[in-house]
N, C-alpha and C. Protein backbone atom coordinates (compact mmCIF):
# COMPACT_ATOMS: atom_id res chain seq x y z
N MET A 1 82.56 113.92 129.92
CA MET A 1 83.62 114.09 128.91
C MET A 1 83.38 113.12 127.75
N ALA A 2 83.44 113.63 126.52
CA ALA A 2 83.19 112.80 125.35
C ALA A 2 84.30 111.77 125.18
N GLU A 3 83.90 110.58 124.73
CA GLU A 3 84.89 109.55 124.42
C GLU A 3 85.66 109.95 123.17
N ARG A 4 86.92 109.55 123.12
CA ARG A 4 87.80 110.02 122.06
C ARG A 4 88.04 108.95 121.01
N VAL A 5 88.15 109.39 119.76
CA VAL A 5 88.44 108.50 118.65
C VAL A 5 89.57 109.13 117.83
N LEU A 6 90.55 108.31 117.48
CA LEU A 6 91.66 108.76 116.64
C LEU A 6 91.43 108.26 115.22
N ILE A 7 91.53 109.17 114.26
CA ILE A 7 91.36 108.83 112.85
C ILE A 7 92.60 109.28 112.10
N THR A 8 93.30 108.34 111.48
CA THR A 8 94.45 108.72 110.66
C THR A 8 93.96 109.08 109.26
N GLY A 9 94.61 110.08 108.67
CA GLY A 9 94.19 110.50 107.34
C GLY A 9 92.77 111.05 107.34
N GLY A 10 92.41 111.78 108.40
CA GLY A 10 91.04 112.24 108.56
C GLY A 10 90.73 113.59 107.96
N ALA A 11 91.61 114.11 107.12
CA ALA A 11 91.39 115.45 106.57
C ALA A 11 90.63 115.45 105.25
N ALA A 12 90.49 114.29 104.63
CA ALA A 12 89.84 114.26 103.31
C ALA A 12 89.21 112.90 103.08
N GLY A 13 88.32 112.83 102.11
CA GLY A 13 87.75 111.58 101.65
C GLY A 13 87.02 110.80 102.73
N ILE A 14 87.27 109.50 102.77
CA ILE A 14 86.61 108.63 103.74
C ILE A 14 86.95 109.06 105.16
N GLY A 15 88.19 109.47 105.39
CA GLY A 15 88.59 109.90 106.73
C GLY A 15 87.82 111.11 107.20
N ARG A 16 87.64 112.08 106.33
CA ARG A 16 86.90 113.28 106.72
C ARG A 16 85.43 112.96 106.98
N ALA A 17 84.84 112.13 106.12
CA ALA A 17 83.44 111.74 106.33
C ALA A 17 83.28 110.98 107.65
N THR A 18 84.27 110.14 107.96
CA THR A 18 84.23 109.40 109.22
C THR A 18 84.37 110.34 110.41
N ALA A 19 85.26 111.32 110.30
CA ALA A 19 85.42 112.31 111.38
C ALA A 19 84.12 113.07 111.60
N GLU A 20 83.48 113.48 110.52
CA GLU A 20 82.22 114.21 110.65
C GLU A 20 81.14 113.35 111.28
N ARG A 21 81.07 112.08 110.89
CA ARG A 21 80.09 111.18 111.47
C ARG A 21 80.36 110.96 112.96
N CYS A 22 81.63 110.80 113.31
CA CYS A 22 81.97 110.59 114.72
C CYS A 22 81.62 111.81 115.57
N ARG A 23 81.86 113.00 115.05
CA ARG A 23 81.45 114.21 115.79
C ARG A 23 79.94 114.23 115.97
N HIS A 24 79.22 113.87 114.91
CA HIS A 24 77.76 113.82 114.99
C HIS A 24 77.31 112.82 116.06
N ASP A 25 78.05 111.73 116.20
CA ASP A 25 77.71 110.70 117.18
C ASP A 25 78.18 111.04 118.60
N GLY A 26 78.83 112.18 118.77
CA GLY A 26 79.18 112.64 120.10
C GLY A 26 80.59 112.35 120.56
N TYR A 27 81.44 111.84 119.68
CA TYR A 27 82.82 111.57 120.05
C TYR A 27 83.67 112.83 119.93
N GLU A 28 84.72 112.87 120.73
CA GLU A 28 85.78 113.87 120.51
C GLU A 28 86.75 113.27 119.51
N VAL A 29 86.89 113.94 118.38
CA VAL A 29 87.66 113.39 117.27
C VAL A 29 89.08 113.98 117.26
N VAL A 30 90.06 113.08 117.18
CA VAL A 30 91.46 113.48 117.02
C VAL A 30 91.92 112.97 115.66
N VAL A 31 92.33 113.90 114.81
CA VAL A 31 92.77 113.54 113.46
C VAL A 31 94.28 113.75 113.35
N ILE A 32 94.95 112.78 112.76
CA ILE A 32 96.36 112.94 112.38
C ILE A 32 96.43 112.85 110.87
N ASP A 33 96.95 113.90 110.25
CA ASP A 33 97.05 113.96 108.80
C ASP A 33 98.13 114.97 108.45
N ARG A 34 98.62 114.92 107.24
CA ARG A 34 99.62 115.91 106.82
C ARG A 34 98.95 117.22 106.44
N GLU A 35 97.61 117.23 106.34
CA GLU A 35 96.86 118.43 106.02
C GLU A 35 95.74 118.61 107.05
N GLY A 36 95.03 119.74 106.96
CA GLY A 36 93.85 119.94 107.79
C GLY A 36 94.15 120.60 109.12
N ASP A 37 93.14 120.61 109.98
CA ASP A 37 93.20 121.34 111.25
C ASP A 37 93.58 120.48 112.44
N GLY A 38 93.82 119.20 112.23
CA GLY A 38 94.17 118.32 113.34
C GLY A 38 95.66 118.33 113.62
N ILE A 39 96.16 117.24 114.15
CA ILE A 39 97.59 117.09 114.38
C ILE A 39 98.25 116.81 113.03
N ARG A 40 99.17 117.65 112.64
CA ARG A 40 99.80 117.49 111.32
C ARG A 40 101.06 116.63 111.45
N ALA A 41 101.12 115.62 110.60
CA ALA A 41 102.29 114.74 110.61
C ALA A 41 102.36 113.97 109.31
N ASP A 42 103.56 113.64 108.91
CA ASP A 42 103.80 112.78 107.76
C ASP A 42 103.82 111.34 108.28
N LEU A 43 102.72 110.64 108.10
CA LEU A 43 102.60 109.30 108.67
C LEU A 43 103.39 108.25 107.91
N THR A 44 104.06 108.64 106.82
CA THR A 44 105.00 107.72 106.18
C THR A 44 106.29 107.60 106.97
N ASP A 45 106.50 108.50 107.93
CA ASP A 45 107.72 108.55 108.74
C ASP A 45 107.40 108.01 110.14
N PRO A 46 108.02 106.90 110.54
CA PRO A 46 107.73 106.33 111.86
C PRO A 46 108.00 107.29 113.01
N ASP A 47 109.06 108.09 112.92
CA ASP A 47 109.37 109.02 114.00
C ASP A 47 108.32 110.13 114.09
N ALA A 48 107.91 110.65 112.94
CA ALA A 48 106.86 111.67 112.93
C ALA A 48 105.55 111.08 113.44
N THR A 49 105.29 109.83 113.11
CA THR A 49 104.08 109.16 113.60
C THR A 49 104.11 109.04 115.12
N ALA A 50 105.25 108.66 115.66
CA ALA A 50 105.39 108.53 117.11
C ALA A 50 105.16 109.86 117.82
N GLN A 51 105.71 110.93 117.26
CA GLN A 51 105.52 112.25 117.86
C GLN A 51 104.06 112.68 117.82
N ALA A 52 103.39 112.41 116.71
CA ALA A 52 101.98 112.76 116.58
C ALA A 52 101.12 111.96 117.56
N LEU A 53 101.43 110.69 117.72
CA LEU A 53 100.68 109.85 118.66
C LEU A 53 100.88 110.33 120.09
N ALA A 54 102.10 110.72 120.42
CA ALA A 54 102.35 111.26 121.77
C ALA A 54 101.53 112.52 122.00
N ALA A 55 101.44 113.38 120.99
CA ALA A 55 100.63 114.59 121.10
C ALA A 55 99.16 114.26 121.26
N ALA A 56 98.69 113.27 120.53
CA ALA A 56 97.28 112.88 120.60
C ALA A 56 96.91 112.34 121.98
N LEU A 57 97.86 111.66 122.62
CA LEU A 57 97.58 111.01 123.91
C LEU A 57 97.85 111.93 125.10
N ARG A 58 98.34 113.13 124.82
CA ARG A 58 98.64 114.05 125.91
C ARG A 58 97.40 114.41 126.72
N GLU A 59 96.26 114.45 126.06
CA GLU A 59 95.01 114.81 126.73
C GLU A 59 94.33 113.61 127.38
N GLY A 60 94.98 112.45 127.32
CA GLY A 60 94.40 111.26 127.95
C GLY A 60 94.27 110.12 126.96
N PRO A 61 93.82 108.96 127.44
CA PRO A 61 93.74 107.77 126.59
C PRO A 61 92.70 107.92 125.49
N ILE A 62 92.89 107.16 124.44
CA ILE A 62 91.95 107.09 123.32
C ILE A 62 91.59 105.63 123.14
N THR A 63 90.30 105.32 123.19
CA THR A 63 89.87 103.92 123.16
C THR A 63 89.23 103.49 121.85
N ARG A 64 89.21 104.41 120.88
CA ARG A 64 88.69 104.05 119.55
C ARG A 64 89.70 104.52 118.49
N LEU A 65 89.98 103.64 117.54
CA LEU A 65 90.98 103.92 116.52
C LEU A 65 90.43 103.55 115.14
N VAL A 66 90.56 104.47 114.20
CA VAL A 66 90.22 104.20 112.81
C VAL A 66 91.50 104.33 111.99
N ASN A 67 92.02 103.20 111.55
CA ASN A 67 93.21 103.18 110.69
C ASN A 67 92.77 103.41 109.26
N ASN A 68 92.74 104.68 108.87
CA ASN A 68 92.20 105.04 107.57
C ASN A 68 93.27 105.45 106.56
N VAL A 69 94.36 106.04 107.01
CA VAL A 69 95.33 106.58 106.07
C VAL A 69 95.88 105.48 105.16
N GLY A 70 96.12 105.85 103.91
CA GLY A 70 96.65 104.86 102.98
C GLY A 70 97.08 105.50 101.68
N MET A 71 97.79 104.74 100.87
CA MET A 71 98.22 105.23 99.56
C MET A 71 98.12 104.11 98.54
N VAL A 72 97.96 104.52 97.28
CA VAL A 72 97.95 103.60 96.15
C VAL A 72 99.12 103.96 95.24
N ARG A 73 99.91 102.97 94.87
CA ARG A 73 100.92 103.16 93.83
C ARG A 73 100.70 102.05 92.80
N GLY A 74 99.76 102.32 91.90
CA GLY A 74 99.38 101.32 90.93
C GLY A 74 100.39 101.16 89.82
N ALA A 75 100.59 99.91 89.41
CA ALA A 75 101.50 99.61 88.30
C ALA A 75 101.36 98.14 87.94
N PRO A 76 101.62 97.79 86.67
CA PRO A 76 101.72 96.36 86.34
C PRO A 76 102.84 95.71 87.16
N VAL A 77 102.75 94.44 87.36
CA VAL A 77 103.68 93.77 88.26
C VAL A 77 105.14 94.00 87.86
N GLU A 78 105.44 94.00 86.56
CA GLU A 78 106.83 94.18 86.15
C GLU A 78 107.35 95.59 86.39
N ALA A 79 106.43 96.54 86.63
CA ALA A 79 106.82 97.93 86.87
C ALA A 79 106.67 98.34 88.33
N GLN A 80 106.17 97.44 89.17
CA GLN A 80 106.01 97.77 90.59
C GLN A 80 107.37 97.73 91.26
N THR A 81 107.86 98.89 91.68
CA THR A 81 109.21 98.95 92.21
C THR A 81 109.26 98.56 93.68
N LEU A 82 110.43 98.20 94.13
CA LEU A 82 110.61 97.90 95.56
C LEU A 82 110.41 99.15 96.40
N ALA A 83 110.75 100.31 95.85
CA ALA A 83 110.50 101.56 96.57
C ALA A 83 109.00 101.79 96.75
N ASP A 84 108.20 101.47 95.71
CA ASP A 84 106.74 101.53 95.85
C ASP A 84 106.27 100.63 96.99
N LEU A 85 106.76 99.40 96.98
CA LEU A 85 106.34 98.43 97.98
C LEU A 85 106.68 98.91 99.38
N ASP A 86 107.89 99.39 99.57
CA ASP A 86 108.31 99.87 100.89
C ASP A 86 107.43 101.03 101.36
N ALA A 87 107.13 101.96 100.45
CA ALA A 87 106.33 103.13 100.83
C ALA A 87 104.91 102.73 101.20
N VAL A 88 104.32 101.85 100.41
CA VAL A 88 102.93 101.45 100.66
C VAL A 88 102.84 100.60 101.93
N VAL A 89 103.79 99.72 102.14
CA VAL A 89 103.79 98.93 103.38
C VAL A 89 103.92 99.85 104.60
N SER A 90 104.78 100.84 104.51
CA SER A 90 105.00 101.72 105.66
C SER A 90 103.73 102.46 106.04
N LEU A 91 103.04 103.02 105.05
CA LEU A 91 101.85 103.81 105.39
C LEU A 91 100.63 102.93 105.67
N ASN A 92 100.41 101.92 104.86
CA ASN A 92 99.19 101.14 104.97
C ASN A 92 99.23 100.09 106.08
N LEU A 93 100.42 99.61 106.43
CA LEU A 93 100.53 98.55 107.45
C LEU A 93 101.27 99.00 108.70
N ARG A 94 102.49 99.48 108.52
CA ARG A 94 103.29 99.88 109.69
C ARG A 94 102.58 100.93 110.52
N CYS A 95 101.99 101.91 109.87
CA CYS A 95 101.31 102.98 110.60
C CYS A 95 100.16 102.44 111.43
N ALA A 96 99.40 101.50 110.87
CA ALA A 96 98.27 100.93 111.61
C ALA A 96 98.75 100.21 112.87
N LEU A 97 99.81 99.42 112.73
CA LEU A 97 100.35 98.71 113.89
C LEU A 97 100.89 99.70 114.92
N GLN A 98 101.59 100.71 114.47
CA GLN A 98 102.18 101.69 115.38
C GLN A 98 101.09 102.44 116.15
N CYS A 99 100.00 102.77 115.47
CA CYS A 99 98.91 103.48 116.14
C CYS A 99 98.26 102.59 117.19
N LEU A 100 97.98 101.35 116.84
CA LEU A 100 97.36 100.46 117.83
C LEU A 100 98.27 100.27 119.03
N GLN A 101 99.55 100.06 118.80
CA GLN A 101 100.46 99.84 119.92
C GLN A 101 100.48 101.04 120.86
N ALA A 102 100.37 102.24 120.31
CA ALA A 102 100.38 103.44 121.15
C ALA A 102 99.10 103.56 121.98
N LEU A 103 97.97 103.17 121.41
CA LEU A 103 96.69 103.33 122.11
C LEU A 103 96.36 102.16 123.02
N LEU A 104 97.01 101.04 122.81
CA LEU A 104 96.65 99.81 123.49
C LEU A 104 96.70 99.89 125.02
N PRO A 105 97.71 100.51 125.62
CA PRO A 105 97.70 100.57 127.09
C PRO A 105 96.44 101.22 127.65
N GLY A 106 95.98 102.30 127.02
CA GLY A 106 94.76 102.96 127.47
C GLY A 106 93.52 102.10 127.28
N MET A 107 93.48 101.39 126.17
CA MET A 107 92.35 100.49 125.92
C MET A 107 92.30 99.37 126.96
N LYS A 108 93.46 98.78 127.21
CA LYS A 108 93.50 97.67 128.18
C LYS A 108 93.13 98.16 129.58
N ALA A 109 93.60 99.35 129.94
CA ALA A 109 93.27 99.90 131.26
C ALA A 109 91.78 100.15 131.38
N ALA A 110 91.14 100.54 130.29
CA ALA A 110 89.70 100.80 130.31
C ALA A 110 88.87 99.52 130.17
N GLY A 111 89.51 98.44 129.75
CA GLY A 111 88.77 97.21 129.49
C GLY A 111 87.83 97.36 128.31
N PHE A 112 88.20 98.24 127.39
CA PHE A 112 87.33 98.54 126.25
C PHE A 112 88.16 99.12 125.12
N GLY A 113 87.84 98.73 123.90
CA GLY A 113 88.49 99.34 122.74
C GLY A 113 87.78 98.94 121.46
N ARG A 114 87.87 99.82 120.49
CA ARG A 114 87.33 99.54 119.16
C ARG A 114 88.39 99.94 118.13
N VAL A 115 88.75 99.00 117.28
CA VAL A 115 89.73 99.25 116.22
C VAL A 115 89.06 98.93 114.89
N VAL A 116 89.01 99.90 114.01
CA VAL A 116 88.44 99.70 112.67
C VAL A 116 89.50 100.12 111.66
N SER A 117 89.86 99.20 110.79
CA SER A 117 90.89 99.47 109.79
C SER A 117 90.27 99.46 108.40
N ILE A 118 90.60 100.47 107.62
CA ILE A 118 90.05 100.58 106.28
C ILE A 118 90.92 99.78 105.32
N SER A 119 90.44 98.61 104.95
CA SER A 119 91.11 97.77 103.97
C SER A 119 90.57 98.17 102.59
N SER A 120 90.30 97.20 101.74
CA SER A 120 89.80 97.49 100.40
C SER A 120 89.31 96.21 99.76
N ARG A 121 88.37 96.35 98.85
CA ARG A 121 87.98 95.20 98.04
C ARG A 121 89.16 94.70 97.20
N ALA A 122 90.14 95.56 96.98
CA ALA A 122 91.33 95.15 96.24
C ALA A 122 92.11 94.05 96.95
N ALA A 123 91.86 93.84 98.24
CA ALA A 123 92.50 92.74 98.96
C ALA A 123 92.14 91.40 98.33
N LEU A 124 91.03 91.34 97.61
CA LEU A 124 90.61 90.11 96.94
C LEU A 124 91.33 89.93 95.61
N GLY A 125 92.05 90.98 95.17
CA GLY A 125 92.77 90.93 93.90
C GLY A 125 92.27 92.01 92.96
N LYS A 126 93.20 92.74 92.39
CA LYS A 126 92.86 93.80 91.43
C LYS A 126 94.09 94.04 90.55
N GLU A 127 93.87 94.16 89.27
CA GLU A 127 94.98 94.38 88.34
C GLU A 127 95.72 95.67 88.68
N GLN A 128 97.03 95.63 88.48
CA GLN A 128 97.92 96.79 88.68
C GLN A 128 97.93 97.29 90.13
N ARG A 129 97.75 96.38 91.06
CA ARG A 129 97.70 96.78 92.47
C ARG A 129 98.54 95.82 93.33
N THR A 130 99.70 95.37 92.85
CA THR A 130 100.48 94.40 93.62
C THR A 130 100.75 94.89 95.04
N ALA A 131 101.34 96.07 95.18
CA ALA A 131 101.70 96.57 96.51
C ALA A 131 100.46 96.91 97.32
N TYR A 132 99.52 97.58 96.71
CA TYR A 132 98.32 98.03 97.42
C TYR A 132 97.49 96.84 97.90
N ALA A 133 97.23 95.88 97.00
CA ALA A 133 96.43 94.72 97.38
C ALA A 133 97.11 93.91 98.48
N ALA A 134 98.43 93.80 98.40
CA ALA A 134 99.16 93.05 99.42
C ALA A 134 98.99 93.70 100.79
N THR A 135 99.07 95.02 100.86
CA THR A 135 98.96 95.69 102.16
C THR A 135 97.53 95.66 102.67
N LYS A 136 96.55 95.77 101.78
CA LYS A 136 95.17 95.75 102.23
C LYS A 136 94.75 94.35 102.69
N ALA A 137 95.30 93.32 102.05
CA ALA A 137 95.10 91.96 102.54
C ALA A 137 95.83 91.76 103.86
N GLY A 138 97.02 92.34 103.97
CA GLY A 138 97.77 92.27 105.22
C GLY A 138 97.04 92.93 106.37
N LEU A 139 96.34 94.02 106.08
CA LEU A 139 95.57 94.70 107.12
C LEU A 139 94.45 93.81 107.64
N ILE A 140 93.84 93.04 106.75
CA ILE A 140 92.82 92.08 107.18
C ILE A 140 93.45 91.01 108.06
N GLY A 141 94.62 90.52 107.66
CA GLY A 141 95.30 89.52 108.47
C GLY A 141 95.64 90.04 109.86
N MET A 142 96.15 91.25 109.94
CA MET A 142 96.46 91.83 111.25
C MET A 142 95.19 92.00 112.08
N THR A 143 94.12 92.44 111.44
CA THR A 143 92.85 92.63 112.14
C THR A 143 92.39 91.33 112.79
N ARG A 144 92.51 90.23 112.09
CA ARG A 144 92.07 88.94 112.63
C ARG A 144 92.94 88.50 113.81
N VAL A 145 94.24 88.77 113.70
CA VAL A 145 95.13 88.46 114.83
C VAL A 145 94.78 89.31 116.05
N TRP A 146 94.55 90.61 115.83
CA TRP A 146 94.21 91.50 116.93
C TRP A 146 92.91 91.08 117.61
N ALA A 147 91.94 90.64 116.80
CA ALA A 147 90.68 90.17 117.37
C ALA A 147 90.91 89.00 118.32
N LEU A 148 91.77 88.07 117.91
CA LEU A 148 92.05 86.90 118.74
C LEU A 148 92.82 87.27 120.00
N GLU A 149 93.79 88.16 119.87
CA GLU A 149 94.64 88.50 121.01
C GLU A 149 93.96 89.43 122.02
N LEU A 150 93.07 90.30 121.54
CA LEU A 150 92.60 91.40 122.38
C LEU A 150 91.16 91.26 122.86
N GLY A 151 90.46 90.25 122.37
CA GLY A 151 89.06 90.11 122.74
C GLY A 151 88.82 89.99 124.23
N ALA A 152 89.72 89.33 124.93
CA ALA A 152 89.55 89.15 126.38
C ALA A 152 89.67 90.46 127.14
N HIS A 153 90.20 91.49 126.48
CA HIS A 153 90.34 92.81 127.11
C HIS A 153 89.18 93.75 126.76
N GLY A 154 88.16 93.21 126.10
CA GLY A 154 87.04 94.05 125.71
C GLY A 154 87.31 94.88 124.48
N ILE A 155 88.33 94.49 123.71
CA ILE A 155 88.74 95.24 122.53
C ILE A 155 88.36 94.45 121.28
N THR A 156 87.62 95.09 120.38
CA THR A 156 87.30 94.45 119.10
C THR A 156 88.14 95.06 118.00
N ALA A 157 88.36 94.26 116.96
CA ALA A 157 89.11 94.72 115.79
C ALA A 157 88.41 94.21 114.54
N ASN A 158 88.05 95.13 113.68
CA ASN A 158 87.35 94.78 112.44
C ASN A 158 87.91 95.61 111.30
N ALA A 159 87.60 95.18 110.09
CA ALA A 159 88.05 95.89 108.90
C ALA A 159 86.86 96.22 108.01
N ILE A 160 86.99 97.31 107.29
CA ILE A 160 86.02 97.69 106.26
C ILE A 160 86.70 97.50 104.91
N GLY A 161 86.00 96.90 103.96
CA GLY A 161 86.53 96.73 102.62
C GLY A 161 85.72 97.55 101.62
N PRO A 162 86.05 98.83 101.47
CA PRO A 162 85.30 99.64 100.51
C PRO A 162 85.49 99.14 99.08
N GLY A 163 84.42 99.22 98.32
CA GLY A 163 84.51 99.04 96.88
C GLY A 163 84.79 100.38 96.24
N PRO A 164 84.24 100.64 95.07
CA PRO A 164 84.49 101.92 94.40
C PRO A 164 83.81 103.08 95.14
N ILE A 165 84.60 103.93 95.76
CA ILE A 165 84.11 105.08 96.51
C ILE A 165 84.63 106.34 95.84
N ARG A 166 83.75 107.28 95.60
CA ARG A 166 84.14 108.50 94.90
C ARG A 166 84.95 109.40 95.82
N THR A 167 86.26 109.30 95.72
CA THR A 167 87.19 110.14 96.47
C THR A 167 88.29 110.60 95.52
N ALA A 168 89.07 111.56 95.98
CA ALA A 168 90.20 112.03 95.16
C ALA A 168 91.20 110.90 94.94
N LEU A 169 91.38 110.04 95.96
CA LEU A 169 92.30 108.91 95.83
C LEU A 169 91.82 107.96 94.74
N PHE A 170 90.51 107.67 94.73
CA PHE A 170 89.97 106.78 93.70
C PHE A 170 90.14 107.39 92.32
N ASP A 171 89.82 108.69 92.19
CA ASP A 171 89.92 109.34 90.89
C ASP A 171 91.36 109.40 90.38
N ALA A 172 92.32 109.55 91.30
CA ALA A 172 93.72 109.58 90.90
C ALA A 172 94.17 108.23 90.34
N ALA A 173 93.65 107.15 90.94
CA ALA A 173 94.04 105.81 90.50
C ALA A 173 93.16 105.30 89.36
N ASN A 174 91.96 105.88 89.23
CA ASN A 174 91.00 105.43 88.21
C ASN A 174 90.42 106.67 87.52
N PRO A 175 91.10 107.20 86.51
CA PRO A 175 90.69 108.47 85.89
C PRO A 175 89.24 108.44 85.43
N PRO A 176 88.44 109.44 85.82
CA PRO A 176 87.04 109.48 85.39
C PRO A 176 86.94 109.48 83.86
N GLY A 177 86.01 108.69 83.35
CA GLY A 177 85.82 108.63 81.90
C GLY A 177 86.66 107.59 81.20
N ALA A 178 87.69 107.07 81.88
CA ALA A 178 88.52 106.03 81.26
C ALA A 178 87.71 104.74 81.13
N PRO A 179 87.91 103.98 80.06
CA PRO A 179 87.14 102.74 79.88
C PRO A 179 87.24 101.79 81.07
N ARG A 180 88.44 101.66 81.65
CA ARG A 180 88.60 100.77 82.80
C ARG A 180 87.76 101.26 83.98
N THR A 181 87.71 102.58 84.18
CA THR A 181 86.92 103.15 85.27
C THR A 181 85.43 102.93 85.02
N GLN A 182 84.97 103.15 83.79
CA GLN A 182 83.56 102.96 83.47
C GLN A 182 83.15 101.50 83.65
N ALA A 183 84.07 100.59 83.36
CA ALA A 183 83.77 99.17 83.55
C ALA A 183 83.55 98.85 85.02
N ILE A 184 84.31 99.53 85.90
CA ILE A 184 84.12 99.34 87.35
C ILE A 184 82.71 99.77 87.75
N VAL A 185 82.32 100.97 87.30
CA VAL A 185 81.00 101.50 87.67
C VAL A 185 79.89 100.61 87.13
N ASP A 186 80.03 100.15 85.91
CA ASP A 186 79.00 99.31 85.29
C ASP A 186 78.82 97.98 86.02
N ALA A 187 79.87 97.54 86.73
CA ALA A 187 79.81 96.25 87.41
C ALA A 187 79.20 96.32 88.81
N ILE A 188 78.85 97.50 89.29
CA ILE A 188 78.31 97.64 90.64
C ILE A 188 76.83 97.28 90.63
N PRO A 189 76.40 96.27 91.39
CA PRO A 189 74.99 95.86 91.36
C PRO A 189 74.00 96.97 91.71
N VAL A 190 74.35 97.87 92.62
CA VAL A 190 73.40 98.92 92.99
C VAL A 190 73.43 100.09 92.00
N LYS A 191 74.30 99.99 91.00
CA LYS A 191 74.34 100.94 89.88
C LYS A 191 74.66 102.38 90.29
N ARG A 192 75.52 102.52 91.26
CA ARG A 192 76.05 103.84 91.60
C ARG A 192 77.39 103.68 92.29
N MET A 193 78.18 104.72 92.24
CA MET A 193 79.42 104.75 93.02
C MET A 193 79.08 104.91 94.50
N GLY A 194 79.94 104.39 95.35
CA GLY A 194 79.77 104.63 96.77
C GLY A 194 80.25 106.03 97.14
N THR A 195 79.85 106.48 98.32
CA THR A 195 80.28 107.77 98.84
C THR A 195 81.08 107.56 100.12
N PRO A 196 81.91 108.53 100.48
CA PRO A 196 82.60 108.42 101.77
C PRO A 196 81.64 108.25 102.93
N GLU A 197 80.46 108.83 102.83
CA GLU A 197 79.48 108.70 103.92
C GLU A 197 78.98 107.26 104.05
N ASP A 198 78.91 106.53 102.95
CA ASP A 198 78.53 105.11 103.02
C ASP A 198 79.51 104.35 103.90
N VAL A 199 80.79 104.63 103.73
CA VAL A 199 81.82 103.94 104.52
C VAL A 199 81.77 104.42 105.97
N ALA A 200 81.61 105.72 106.16
CA ALA A 200 81.56 106.27 107.52
C ALA A 200 80.44 105.66 108.33
N HIS A 201 79.32 105.38 107.69
CA HIS A 201 78.19 104.77 108.40
C HIS A 201 78.56 103.37 108.90
N ALA A 202 79.28 102.61 108.07
CA ALA A 202 79.72 101.28 108.48
C ALA A 202 80.74 101.36 109.61
N VAL A 203 81.66 102.31 109.51
CA VAL A 203 82.65 102.50 110.57
C VAL A 203 81.95 102.82 111.89
N ALA A 204 80.94 103.69 111.84
CA ALA A 204 80.22 104.10 113.05
C ALA A 204 79.60 102.89 113.75
N PHE A 205 79.06 101.96 112.98
CA PHE A 205 78.49 100.75 113.57
C PHE A 205 79.55 99.97 114.34
N LEU A 206 80.72 99.80 113.74
CA LEU A 206 81.76 99.00 114.38
C LEU A 206 82.42 99.71 115.55
N LEU A 207 82.36 101.04 115.59
CA LEU A 207 82.91 101.80 116.72
C LEU A 207 81.98 101.80 117.92
N ASP A 208 80.73 101.49 117.69
CA ASP A 208 79.72 101.60 118.73
C ASP A 208 79.98 100.62 119.89
N GLU A 209 79.69 101.07 121.09
CA GLU A 209 79.85 100.21 122.27
C GLU A 209 79.01 98.95 122.15
N ARG A 210 77.89 99.02 121.43
CA ARG A 210 76.97 97.88 121.32
C ARG A 210 77.43 96.84 120.30
N SER A 211 78.55 97.07 119.65
CA SER A 211 79.05 96.12 118.64
C SER A 211 80.11 95.18 119.21
N GLY A 212 80.05 94.94 120.50
CA GLY A 212 81.10 94.17 121.16
C GLY A 212 81.16 92.70 120.81
N PHE A 213 80.14 92.16 120.13
CA PHE A 213 80.17 90.74 119.75
C PHE A 213 80.55 90.57 118.29
N VAL A 214 80.99 91.64 117.66
CA VAL A 214 81.46 91.60 116.27
C VAL A 214 82.95 91.91 116.27
N THR A 215 83.76 90.93 115.95
CA THR A 215 85.21 91.17 115.92
C THR A 215 85.87 90.20 114.96
N GLY A 216 86.98 90.64 114.40
CA GLY A 216 87.72 89.81 113.44
C GLY A 216 87.05 89.71 112.08
N GLN A 217 86.15 90.65 111.77
CA GLN A 217 85.36 90.56 110.55
C GLN A 217 85.78 91.61 109.51
N VAL A 218 85.41 91.34 108.27
CA VAL A 218 85.58 92.30 107.18
C VAL A 218 84.19 92.62 106.65
N LEU A 219 83.82 93.89 106.69
CA LEU A 219 82.54 94.34 106.16
C LEU A 219 82.82 95.04 104.82
N TYR A 220 82.38 94.43 103.74
CA TYR A 220 82.59 95.02 102.42
C TYR A 220 81.48 96.03 102.13
N VAL A 221 81.89 97.27 101.93
CA VAL A 221 80.96 98.34 101.58
C VAL A 221 81.20 98.61 100.10
N CYS A 222 80.54 97.85 99.26
CA CYS A 222 80.94 97.78 97.85
C CYS A 222 79.77 97.75 96.88
N GLY A 223 78.57 98.05 97.34
CA GLY A 223 77.43 98.03 96.44
C GLY A 223 77.11 96.66 95.90
N GLY A 224 77.58 95.63 96.59
CA GLY A 224 77.28 94.25 96.17
C GLY A 224 78.31 93.63 95.26
N MET A 225 79.43 94.30 95.00
CA MET A 225 80.41 93.79 94.04
C MET A 225 81.06 92.48 94.48
N THR A 226 81.15 92.25 95.79
CA THR A 226 81.80 91.02 96.23
C THR A 226 80.85 89.83 96.20
N ALA A 227 79.55 90.08 96.05
CA ALA A 227 78.59 88.97 96.01
C ALA A 227 78.89 88.09 94.80
N GLY A 228 79.05 86.80 95.05
CA GLY A 228 79.37 85.88 93.98
C GLY A 228 80.84 85.79 93.65
N ALA A 229 81.65 86.65 94.30
CA ALA A 229 83.09 86.65 94.02
C ALA A 229 83.91 86.30 95.24
N ALA A 230 83.54 86.84 96.40
CA ALA A 230 84.31 86.60 97.63
C ALA A 230 83.81 85.34 98.31
N PRO A 231 84.68 84.62 99.00
CA PRO A 231 84.24 83.46 99.76
C PRO A 231 83.35 83.87 100.92
N ILE A 232 82.44 82.98 101.30
CA ILE A 232 81.54 83.27 102.42
C ILE A 232 82.34 83.29 103.72
């Protein structure tokens, strides 16, 4: 029987590329998203999230989790509303915690687990991203706590920090052709935008059974943009 992996927001973009990579690697993929062919749910709603997780676990435990779903509500700080903050925290942080809590009993029983959370290079700071950057930095903080608490159970927790990745979400927040968007592309040392497959490859490494000595880390998949900017 194939090992199972749960991917939130796996119907498009990085999530879909990760789902495809996981299928290629032999996993049984369970996707929760408001669209697509998987379990459909509005993950901004805690009750709907709980129902979707119960459905996902009906077929048995899941020992690999990719916390991918997320939203951006960009605005200058004076225009960032409390409603924006609440919405982004709920999807980007609360959902990740809720998913891990649901899967944790099965992981502990198996003595094995892999948790990969999709953070962002914006966690290091990005203009017009008060709510988004806060939640992506928070996801890194939670990842480090989970690594400390769960390592003795054979469970690792790591984060991926994508840089500019060509997805619909990126294009919505960074209109193609806009001067600010072109400045982002020009600043990438490898001189190209990233692809969802670039991120999926990094996720696959951290999901692998052989990655058990890597935990509590952030892997920036950013074409070198954090070099010289992020602390070692």
